[in-house]
C-alpha cells in the first residue's frame, strides 16, 4: 500500500502516502480503491478526513490531483508539483473512489453495476472504513470528518448516518465521527440549478 514515489513526483516529499484496494464484499468480488496522504506535520495527532467527489460517477482522484490533494500536475502532463494549499497540510486525507465502477474501484459481479444507490454506496463506504482502519489501526480513535462536493451532498450525510447507526448499535465508537462538510452540493438538483441561474 505504501507508495515509494508517484511517477513525476518532486524530490523532498516529507510525508507518507499510500494507495490500494480494500475489499467491501468478498463474495461479489467488490473492492474500492483509495489514495491516502498523511500529514507532513503532526500526522499522529491531526484528524482523519475522507474526501468524496460526486457526479455521481466522478473519480475522487480528480479531487486529489486538481483540488485539495498534495500534488498538482505540471503543464507537461508528466511531472508533479506540491500543492501549497493541500488539505494534508493539516489533516490525514483519504480519497475514496466510490461506488464500485468509479475510477479504479470495481466489482467482479456485473449486477453490482446495475443495482446501485445511495444507501448501498453508504454501506460499502462504511465497510471500506472499518476494513481500512484494520489496516491503519493508529487512526481508529482519531477525530474523523467526511467531506465532499457535488453529488457527495448525498453520499456524505448518508455515510455519516450509517456510521451513527452502527456506533449506536455496537454501543461503542467504531468510527470517531466528529463532523461533515459538503461544498457545491447537489442535494437538491432543482436548488442547484436555481443557484446556478441566479449566479449568471
Protein backbone atom coordinates (compact mmCIF):
# COMPACT_ATOMS: atom_id res chain seq x y z
CA UNK A 1 0.00 0.00 0.00
CA UNK A 2 2.83 2.45 0.77
CA UNK A 3 3.90 4.44 -2.28
CA UNK A 4 7.64 4.82 -2.83
CA UNK A 5 7.15 7.64 -5.32
CA UNK A 6 4.49 8.59 -7.83
CA UNK A 7 5.60 8.99 -11.46
CA UNK A 8 6.97 12.51 -11.85
CA UNK A 9 6.89 13.15 -8.10
CA UNK A 10 9.12 16.05 -6.99
CA UNK A 11 12.08 15.48 -4.68
CA UNK A 12 11.87 16.18 -0.97
CA UNK A 13 8.37 14.85 -0.27
CA UNK A 14 8.10 14.86 3.53
CA UNK A 15 5.00 12.73 4.09
CA UNK A 16 3.93 9.13 3.59
CA UNK A 17 1.27 8.28 1.06
CA UNK A 18 -0.50 5.05 0.23
CA UNK A 19 -2.90 3.59 -2.30
CA UNK A 20 -4.59 0.29 -2.90
CA UNK A 21 -7.77 -1.70 -2.72
CA UNK A 22 -9.97 -2.55 0.24
CA UNK A 23 -12.46 -5.38 -0.22
CA UNK A 24 -16.01 -4.47 0.78
CA UNK A 25 -17.73 -7.68 -0.40
CA UNK A 26 -15.54 -10.75 -0.88
CA UNK A 27 -18.40 -12.89 -2.26
CA UNK A 28 -19.18 -10.38 -5.02
CA UNK A 29 -15.51 -9.55 -5.53
CA UNK A 30 -16.17 -5.88 -4.86
CA UNK A 31 -13.29 -3.62 -3.83
CA UNK A 32 -12.84 0.13 -3.51
CA UNK A 33 -9.66 2.00 -4.46
CA UNK A 34 -8.18 4.70 -2.25
CA UNK A 35 -5.32 7.17 -2.19
CA UNK A 36 -4.22 8.30 1.28
CA UNK A 37 -1.91 11.21 2.05
CA UNK A 38 -0.65 11.59 5.61
CA UNK A 39 0.11 14.97 7.06
CA UNK A 40 3.78 16.05 6.87
CA UNK A 41 3.48 17.58 10.34
CA UNK A 42 1.66 16.08 13.33
CA UNK A 43 0.29 13.11 11.41
CA UNK A 44 -0.03 11.27 14.72
CA UNK A 45 -2.47 13.86 16.10
CA UNK A 46 -4.06 15.55 13.08
CA UNK A 47 -7.60 14.42 12.21
CA UNK A 48 -8.53 11.86 9.57
CA UNK A 49 -10.57 13.23 6.66
CA UNK A 50 -12.42 11.30 3.95
CA UNK A 51 -12.90 13.10 0.61
CA UNK A 52 -15.59 12.02 -1.86
CA UNK A 53 -16.08 13.50 -5.31
CA UNK A 54 -19.61 13.44 -6.59
CA UNK A 55 -21.04 13.06 -10.04
CA UNK A 56 -22.33 10.50 -9.42
CA UNK A 57 -19.50 8.69 -11.12
CA UNK A 58 -16.65 11.16 -10.67
CA UNK A 59 -13.29 9.83 -9.53
CA UNK A 60 -12.01 11.20 -6.23
CA UNK A 61 -8.59 11.30 -7.86
CA UNK A 62 -9.92 14.47 -9.51
CA UNK A 63 -10.06 15.97 -6.03
CA UNK A 64 -6.65 14.53 -5.23
CA UNK A 65 -4.88 15.83 -8.34
CA UNK A 66 -6.71 19.07 -9.19
CA UNK A 67 -8.23 20.37 -5.97
CA UNK A 68 -7.11 19.55 -2.43
CA UNK A 69 -4.53 16.80 -2.80
CA UNK A 70 -0.81 17.11 -2.07
CA UNK A 71 0.23 17.35 -5.73
CA UNK A 72 -0.81 19.06 -8.93
CA UNK A 73 0.15 18.07 -12.47
CA UNK A 74 2.54 20.37 -14.35
CA UNK A 75 1.69 21.62 -17.85
CA UNK A 76 3.92 18.92 -19.35
CA UNK A 77 1.35 16.36 -18.17
CA UNK A 78 4.14 14.15 -16.83
CA UNK A 79 5.53 15.73 -13.67
CA UNK A 80 4.01 16.84 -10.39
CA UNK A 81 4.49 19.80 -8.08
CA UNK A 82 3.45 20.32 -4.46
CA UNK A 83 0.12 21.96 -3.77
CA UNK A 84 0.81 24.56 -1.08
CA UNK A 85 -2.86 24.58 -0.12
CA UNK A 86 -3.26 20.80 0.19
CA UNK A 87 -5.55 19.60 2.94
CA UNK A 88 -2.96 17.10 4.10
CA UNK A 89 -1.01 20.06 5.50
CA UNK A 90 -3.47 19.99 8.40
CA UNK A 91 -5.13 16.55 8.18
CA UNK A 92 -4.57 12.98 7.05
CA UNK A 93 -6.72 12.66 3.92
CA UNK A 94 -8.28 9.58 2.28
CA UNK A 95 -9.52 10.00 -1.30
CA UNK A 96 -12.04 7.20 -1.95
CA UNK A 97 -13.27 6.05 -5.37
CA UNK A 98 -16.88 5.16 -4.66
CA UNK A 99 -19.11 3.36 -5.55
CA UNK A 100 -17.68 0.32 -7.36
CA UNK A 101 -17.34 1.17 -11.04
CA UNK A 102 -15.98 4.65 -10.35
CA UNK A 103 -12.31 5.17 -11.18
CA UNK A 104 -10.27 2.12 -10.20
CA UNK A 105 -12.94 0.65 -7.90
CA UNK A 106 -14.55 -2.49 -9.27
CA UNK A 107 -16.78 -5.49 -8.78
CA UNK A 108 -16.48 -8.96 -10.30
CA UNK A 109 -20.29 -9.22 -10.18
CA UNK A 110 -21.83 -7.38 -13.14
CA UNK A 111 -25.19 -6.88 -11.40
CA UNK A 112 -23.42 -4.61 -8.88
CA UNK A 113 -23.18 -2.03 -11.66
CA UNK A 114 -26.91 -2.23 -12.39
CA UNK A 115 -28.23 -2.12 -8.82
CA UNK A 116 -26.59 0.89 -7.23
CA UNK A 117 -27.94 3.60 -5.00
CA UNK A 118 -27.03 5.99 -2.22
CA UNK A 119 -27.78 3.50 0.56
CA UNK A 120 -25.65 0.72 -0.92
CA UNK A 121 -22.90 3.27 -1.62
CA UNK A 122 -23.00 4.32 2.05
CA UNK A 123 -22.88 0.67 3.20
CA UNK A 124 -19.85 -0.03 1.01
CA UNK A 125 -18.10 3.16 2.13
CA UNK A 126 -18.75 2.20 5.75
CA UNK A 127 -17.36 -1.31 5.20
CA UNK A 128 -14.37 0.26 3.46
CA UNK A 129 -13.68 2.45 6.51
CA UNK A 130 -13.98 -0.42 9.00
CA UNK A 131 -11.63 -2.59 6.93
CA UNK A 132 -9.27 0.31 6.18
CA UNK A 133 -8.97 1.06 9.90
CA UNK A 134 -7.86 -2.53 10.45
CA UNK A 135 -5.04 -1.83 8.00
CA UNK A 136 -4.23 1.52 9.66
CA UNK A 137 -5.14 0.90 13.34
CA UNK A 138 -3.38 4.07 14.53
CA UNK A 139 -6.37 6.01 13.14
CA UNK A 140 -9.12 4.03 14.92
CA UNK A 141 -9.73 6.63 17.63
CA UNK A 142 -8.74 9.67 15.60
CA UNK A 143 -11.22 12.50 15.05
CA UNK A 144 -12.87 11.73 11.70
CA UNK A 145 -14.56 14.04 9.20
CA UNK A 146 -16.41 13.23 5.97
CA UNK A 147 -16.14 15.80 3.17
CA UNK A 148 -17.07 16.02 -0.48
CA UNK A 149 -18.57 18.02 -3.30
CA UNK A 150 -21.34 17.87 -5.87
CA UNK A 151 -23.35 14.63 -5.60
CA UNK A 152 -21.39 13.86 -2.43
CA UNK A 153 -24.11 16.07 -0.96
CA UNK A 154 -25.99 12.76 -0.94
CA UNK A 155 -23.07 10.46 -0.10
CA UNK A 156 -21.69 12.40 2.87
CA UNK A 157 -24.82 12.61 5.08
CA UNK A 158 -25.85 9.02 4.24
CA UNK A 159 -22.42 7.74 5.26
CA UNK A 160 -22.49 9.86 8.43
CA UNK A 161 -25.90 8.40 9.31
CA UNK A 162 -24.64 4.86 8.65
CA UNK A 163 -21.69 5.49 11.00
CA UNK A 164 -24.04 6.92 13.63
CA UNK A 165 -26.37 3.90 13.45
CA UNK A 166 -23.53 1.37 13.64
CA UNK A 167 -21.88 3.16 16.57
CA UNK A 168 -25.24 3.16 18.36
CA UNK A 169 -25.91 -0.50 17.54
CA UNK A 170 -22.47 -1.55 18.82
CA UNK A 171 -22.86 0.71 21.88
CA UNK A 172 -19.33 1.97 21.25
CA UNK A 173 -17.49 4.34 18.94
CA UNK A 174 -16.38 2.24 15.98
CA UNK A 175 -15.63 5.34 13.92
CA UNK A 176 -14.98 8.59 15.78
CA UNK A 177 -17.10 10.83 13.54
CA UNK A 178 -16.83 14.50 14.50
CA UNK A 179 -18.38 16.30 11.56
CA UNK A 180 -19.19 16.60 7.88
CA UNK A 181 -18.66 19.24 5.20
CA UNK A 182 -20.06 19.47 1.68
CA UNK A 183 -19.33 22.09 -0.97
CA UNK A 184 -21.17 22.73 -4.24
CA UNK A 185 -23.59 20.01 -3.26
CA UNK A 186 -26.38 18.66 -5.41
CA UNK A 187 -28.59 17.55 -2.54
CA UNK A 188 -31.39 19.18 -4.49
CA UNK A 189 -30.99 19.30 -8.28
CA UNK A 190 -33.68 22.00 -8.50
CA UNK A 191 -31.99 24.19 -5.88
CA UNK A 192 -28.61 23.59 -7.54
CA UNK A 193 -29.97 24.76 -10.91
CA UNK A 194 -31.67 27.80 -9.33
CA UNK A 195 -28.39 28.80 -7.67
CA UNK A 196 -26.55 28.48 -10.98
CA UNK A 197 -29.18 30.55 -12.78
CA UNK A 198 -29.10 33.22 -10.07
CA UNK A 199 -25.32 33.38 -10.36
CA UNK A 200 -25.44 34.18 -14.06
